[in-house]
Amino acid sequence: MEETWLSLITDVGFPIAVTFYLLHRVEAKLNTLIESIISLPEKLK
């Protein structure tokens, strides 16, 4: 039973960790993009 859990964590855990890392990076870039779009009308005046 313990070997099954270890195998599951090894097979699934790494892709989940990579996915969360990439989603965190994309979220930061989206926030920067949203702020840029919001400030665009002021810069165009």
C-alpha atoms as a PDB file:
ATOM      1  CA  MET A   1       0.000   0.000   0.000  1.00  0.00           C
ATOM      2  CA  GLU A   2       2.789   2.419   0.928  1.00  0.00           C
ATOM      3  CA  GLU A   3       4.588   1.731  -2.347  1.00  0.00           C
ATOM      4  CA  THR A   4       1.426   2.596  -4.285  1.00  0.00           C
ATOM      5  CA  TRP A   5       1.165   6.016  -2.610  1.00  0.00           C
ATOM      6  CA  LEU A   6       4.848   6.712  -3.197  1.00  0.00           C
ATOM      7  CA  SER A   7       4.505   5.793  -6.851  1.00  0.00           C
ATOM      8  CA  LEU A   8       1.407   7.978  -7.198  1.00  0.00           C
ATOM      9  CA  ILE A   9       3.115  10.971  -5.587  1.00  0.00           C
ATOM     10  CA  THR A  10       6.180  10.500  -7.771  1.00  0.00           C
ATOM     11  CA  ASP A  11       4.170  10.195 -10.983  1.00  0.00           C
ATOM     12  CA  VAL A  12       1.624  12.932 -10.314  1.00  0.00           C
ATOM     13  CA  GLY A  13       3.316  15.237  -7.812  1.00  0.00           C
ATOM     14  CA  PHE A  14       5.995  16.628 -10.104  1.00  0.00           C
ATOM     15  CA  PRO A  15       3.624  17.635 -12.934  1.00  0.00           C
ATOM     16  CA  ILE A  16       1.294  19.245 -10.394  1.00  0.00           C
ATOM     17  CA  ALA A  17       4.169  21.225  -8.888  1.00  0.00           C
ATOM     18  CA  VAL A  18       5.307  22.405 -12.329  1.00  0.00           C
ATOM     19  CA  THR A  19       1.738  23.376 -13.236  1.00  0.00           C
ATOM     20  CA  PHE A  20       1.301  25.467 -10.080  1.00  0.00           C
ATOM     21  CA  TYR A  21       4.648  27.169 -10.698  1.00  0.00           C
ATOM     22  CA  LEU A  22       3.730  28.061 -14.285  1.00  0.00           C
ATOM     23  CA  LEU A  23       0.254  29.259 -13.286  1.00  0.00           C
ATOM     24  CA  HIS A  24       1.826  31.521 -10.663  1.00  0.00           C
ATOM     25  CA  ARG A  25       4.155  33.035 -13.270  1.00  0.00           C
ATOM     26  CA  VAL A  26       1.324  33.543 -15.773  1.00  0.00           C
ATOM     27  CA  GLU A  27      -0.812  35.185 -13.080  1.00  0.00           C
ATOM     28  CA  ALA A  28       1.928  37.705 -12.329  1.00  0.00           C
ATOM     29  CA  LYS A  29       2.291  38.550 -16.011  1.00  0.00           C
ATOM     30  CA  LEU A  30      -1.486  38.898 -16.421  1.00  0.00           C
ATOM     31  CA  ASN A  31      -1.631  41.309 -13.489  1.00  0.00           C
ATOM     32  CA  THR A  32       1.081  43.424 -15.129  1.00  0.00           C
ATOM     33  CA  LEU A  33      -0.827  43.371 -18.408  1.00  0.00           C
ATOM     34  CA  ILE A  34      -4.088  44.400 -16.720  1.00  0.00           C
ATOM     35  CA  GLU A  35      -2.368  47.305 -14.955  1.00  0.00           C
ATOM     36  CA  SER A  36      -0.858  48.438 -18.263  1.00  0.00           C
ATOM     37  CA  ILE A  37      -4.227  48.333 -20.020  1.00  0.00           C
ATOM     38  CA  ILE A  38      -5.898  50.267 -17.202  1.00  0.00           C
ATOM     39  CA  SER A  39      -3.238  53.009 -17.286  1.00  0.00           C
ATOM     40  CA  LEU A  40      -3.257  53.258 -21.103  1.00  0.00           C
ATOM     41  CA  PRO A  41      -6.004  55.927 -21.417  1.00  0.00           C
ATOM     42  CA  GLU A  42      -4.087  58.261 -19.080  1.00  0.00           C
ATOM     43  CA  LYS A  43      -0.928  57.837 -21.138  1.00  0.00           C
ATOM     44  CA  LEU A  44      -2.782  58.564 -24.373  1.00  0.00           C
ATOM     45  CA  LYS A  45      -4.070  61.953 -23.126  1.00  0.00           C
END
